Amino acid sequence: MLSLSNILTPMAGEIGVGGVGGFVVGYALKKAAKMLAIALGLGFVALQYLAYKGFIIINYDVLREWVLNLTGEATKFQNLITDIIIHIPFGASFGFGFYLGLKKG
């Protein structure tokens, strides 16, 4: 016989696991993004300093193409996140936990 508890019990487990998993992933991703931003910023400043002193010449066209390729890879990751969030109730709780992890991180 199908009862409400047979439906809600597995759903509660999915919501809990999804929420905790989303929080952990969001928190870690925000921390990693901060470290990457610092590393890229310091690298950019170092390259500009070396170019200013005449040690290197920066080909900005090649640099622009490299950055455009990176943003294309980010779009693929965004599509993966979208596919994960579509699956309810796990996806919804994962998304909420991910949001909280980003806010807390």
C-alpha atoms as a PDB file:
ATOM      1  CA  MET A   1       0.000   0.000   0.000  1.00  0.00           C
ATOM      2  CA  LEU A   2       1.301   3.423  -0.953  1.00  0.00           C
ATOM      3  CA  SER A   3       1.394   5.824   1.980  1.00  0.00           C
ATOM      4  CA  LEU A   4       2.620   9.341   2.474  1.00  0.00           C
ATOM      5  CA  SER A   5       5.522   8.180   4.652  1.00  0.00           C
ATOM      6  CA  ASN A   6       6.727   5.817   1.889  1.00  0.00           C
ATOM      7  CA  ILE A   7       6.972   8.831  -0.428  1.00  0.00           C
ATOM      8  CA  LEU A   8       8.363  11.439   1.979  1.00  0.00           C
ATOM      9  CA  THR A   9      11.050   9.332   3.688  1.00  0.00           C
ATOM     10  CA  PRO A  10      13.226   8.794   0.576  1.00  0.00           C
ATOM     11  CA  MET A  11      12.583  12.371  -0.529  1.00  0.00           C
ATOM     12  CA  ALA A  12      13.756  13.729   2.831  1.00  0.00           C
ATOM     13  CA  GLY A  13      17.014  11.799   2.467  1.00  0.00           C
ATOM     14  CA  GLU A  14      17.565  13.182  -1.027  1.00  0.00           C
ATOM     15  CA  ILE A  15      16.852  16.724   0.141  1.00  0.00           C
ATOM     16  CA  GLY A  16      19.250  16.399   3.076  1.00  0.00           C
ATOM     17  CA  VAL A  17      22.076  14.887   1.053  1.00  0.00           C
ATOM     18  CA  GLY A  18      21.511  17.337  -1.786  1.00  0.00           C
ATOM     19  CA  GLY A  19      21.517  20.328   0.539  1.00  0.00           C
ATOM     20  CA  VAL A  20      24.675  19.313   2.374  1.00  0.00           C
ATOM     21  CA  GLY A  21      26.404  18.344  -0.869  1.00  0.00           C
ATOM     22  CA  GLY A  22      25.451  21.624  -2.501  1.00  0.00           C
ATOM     23  CA  PHE A  23      26.696  23.614   0.476  1.00  0.00           C
ATOM     24  CA  VAL A  24      30.061  21.840   0.511  1.00  0.00           C
ATOM     25  CA  VAL A  25      30.560  22.223  -3.249  1.00  0.00           C
ATOM     26  CA  GLY A  26      29.509  25.889  -3.205  1.00  0.00           C
ATOM     27  CA  TYR A  27      31.761  26.693  -0.258  1.00  0.00           C
ATOM     28  CA  ALA A  28      34.776  24.947  -1.818  1.00  0.00           C
ATOM     29  CA  LEU A  29      34.153  26.491  -5.227  1.00  0.00           C
ATOM     30  CA  LYS A  30      34.035  30.009  -3.808  1.00  0.00           C
ATOM     31  CA  LYS A  31      37.275  29.479  -1.880  1.00  0.00           C
ATOM     32  CA  ALA A  32      38.966  28.070  -4.992  1.00  0.00           C
ATOM     33  CA  ALA A  33      37.690  30.983  -7.082  1.00  0.00           C
ATOM     34  CA  LYS A  34      39.152  33.472  -4.605  1.00  0.00           C
ATOM     35  CA  MET A  35      42.547  31.760  -4.699  1.00  0.00           C
ATOM     36  CA  LEU A  36      42.450  31.633  -8.506  1.00  0.00           C
ATOM     37  CA  ALA A  37      41.563  35.339  -8.701  1.00  0.00           C
ATOM     38  CA  ILE A  38      44.488  36.237  -6.446  1.00  0.00           C
ATOM     39  CA  ALA A  39      46.910  34.064  -8.442  1.00  0.00           C
ATOM     40  CA  LEU A  40      45.723  35.480 -11.768  1.00  0.00           C
ATOM     41  CA  GLY A  41      45.918  39.035 -10.445  1.00  0.00           C
ATOM     42  CA  LEU A  42      49.457  38.588  -9.158  1.00  0.00           C
ATOM     43  CA  GLY A  43      50.473  36.888 -12.394  1.00  0.00           C
ATOM     44  CA  PHE A  44      49.019  39.740 -14.441  1.00  0.00           C
ATOM     45  CA  VAL A  45      50.836  42.336 -12.354  1.00  0.00           C
ATOM     46  CA  ALA A  46      54.097  40.392 -12.699  1.00  0.00           C
ATOM     47  CA  LEU A  47      53.695  40.167 -16.489  1.00  0.00           C
ATOM     48  CA  GLN A  48      52.932  43.876 -16.746  1.00  0.00           C
ATOM     49  CA  TYR A  49      55.988  44.707 -14.661  1.00  0.00           C
ATOM     50  CA  LEU A  50      58.230  42.519 -16.823  1.00  0.00           C
ATOM     51  CA  ALA A  51      56.792  44.091 -19.981  1.00  0.00           C
ATOM     52  CA  TYR A  52      57.300  47.577 -18.526  1.00  0.00           C
ATOM     53  CA  LYS A  53      60.949  46.793 -17.770  1.00  0.00           C
ATOM     54  CA  GLY A  54      61.421  45.414 -21.305  1.00  0.00           C
ATOM     55  CA  PHE A  55      62.155  41.814 -20.336  1.00  0.00           C
ATOM     56  CA  ILE A  56      59.171  40.465 -22.272  1.00  0.00           C
ATOM     57  CA  ILE A  57      56.747  41.533 -24.990  1.00  0.00           C
ATOM     58  CA  ILE A  58      53.105  40.617 -24.466  1.00  0.00           C
ATOM     59  CA  ASN A  59      51.082  39.540 -27.515  1.00  0.00           C
ATOM     60  CA  TYR A  60      47.647  40.777 -26.439  1.00  0.00           C
ATOM     61  CA  ASP A  61      45.857  39.110 -29.374  1.00  0.00           C
ATOM     62  CA  VAL A  62      47.022  35.663 -28.255  1.00  0.00           C
ATOM     63  CA  LEU A  63      46.185  36.518 -24.647  1.00  0.00           C
ATOM     64  CA  ARG A  64      42.664  37.562 -25.658  1.00  0.00           C
ATOM     65  CA  GLU A  65      42.111  34.271 -27.547  1.00  0.00           C
ATOM     66  CA  TRP A  66      43.309  32.301 -24.517  1.00  0.00           C
ATOM     67  CA  VAL A  67      40.868  34.128 -22.233  1.00  0.00           C
ATOM     68  CA  LEU A  68      38.014  33.526 -24.697  1.00  0.00           C
ATOM     69  CA  ASN A  69      38.815  29.800 -24.681  1.00  0.00           C
ATOM     70  CA  LEU A  70      38.697  29.803 -20.878  1.00  0.00           C
ATOM     71  CA  THR A  71      35.257  31.407 -20.860  1.00  0.00           C
ATOM     72  CA  GLY A  72      34.045  28.729 -23.278  1.00  0.00           C
ATOM     73  CA  GLU A  73      35.115  26.056 -20.784  1.00  0.00           C
ATOM     74  CA  ALA A  74      33.251  27.900 -18.030  1.00  0.00           C
ATOM     75  CA  THR A  75      30.073  27.731 -20.115  1.00  0.00           C
ATOM     76  CA  LYS A  76      30.406  23.940 -20.296  1.00  0.00           C
ATOM     77  CA  PHE A  77      30.661  23.821 -16.486  1.00  0.00           C
ATOM     78  CA  GLN A  78      27.608  26.065 -16.186  1.00  0.00           C
ATOM     79  CA  ASN A  79      25.642  23.657 -18.403  1.00  0.00           C
ATOM     80  CA  LEU A  80      26.653  20.782 -16.109  1.00  0.00           C
ATOM     81  CA  ILE A  81      25.393  22.675 -13.054  1.00  0.00           C
ATOM     82  CA  THR A  82      22.120  23.389 -14.870  1.00  0.00           C
ATOM     83  CA  ASP A  83      21.660  19.688 -15.636  1.00  0.00           C
ATOM     84  CA  ILE A  84      22.225  18.799 -11.979  1.00  0.00           C
ATOM     85  CA  ILE A  85      19.753  21.382 -10.694  1.00  0.00           C
ATOM     86  CA  ILE A  86      17.000  20.135 -13.013  1.00  0.00           C
ATOM     87  CA  HIS A  87      16.578  16.913 -11.014  1.00  0.00           C
ATOM     88  CA  ILE A  88      14.088  17.700  -8.211  1.00  0.00           C
ATOM     89  CA  PRO A  89      14.116  17.291  -5.166  1.00  0.00           C
ATOM     90  CA  PHE A  90      17.848  16.579  -5.047  1.00  0.00           C
ATOM     91  CA  GLY A  91      18.643  19.367  -7.485  1.00  0.00           C
ATOM     92  CA  ALA A  92      16.644  21.985  -5.616  1.00  0.00           C
ATOM     93  CA  SER A  93      18.233  21.226  -2.286  1.00  0.00           C
ATOM     94  CA  PHE A  94      21.661  21.029  -3.941  1.00  0.00           C
ATOM     95  CA  GLY A  95      21.098  24.432  -5.511  1.00  0.00           C
ATOM     96  CA  PHE A  96      20.036  25.961  -2.209  1.00  0.00           C
ATOM     97  CA  GLY A  97      22.990  24.401  -0.405  1.00  0.00           C
ATOM     98  CA  PHE A  98      25.299  25.577  -3.192  1.00  0.00           C
ATOM     99  CA  TYR A  99      23.965  29.111  -2.781  1.00  0.00           C
ATOM    100  CA  LEU A 100      24.498  28.998   0.989  1.00  0.00           C
ATOM    101  CA  GLY A 101      28.020  27.643   0.480  1.00  0.00           C
ATOM    102  CA  LEU A 102      28.854  30.486  -1.876  1.00  0.00           C
ATOM    103  CA  LYS A 103      27.434  33.039   0.559  1.00  0.00           C
ATOM    104  CA  LYS A 104      29.255  31.518   3.550  1.00  0.00           C
ATOM    105  CA  GLY A 105      32.579  30.980   1.707  1.00  0.00           C
END
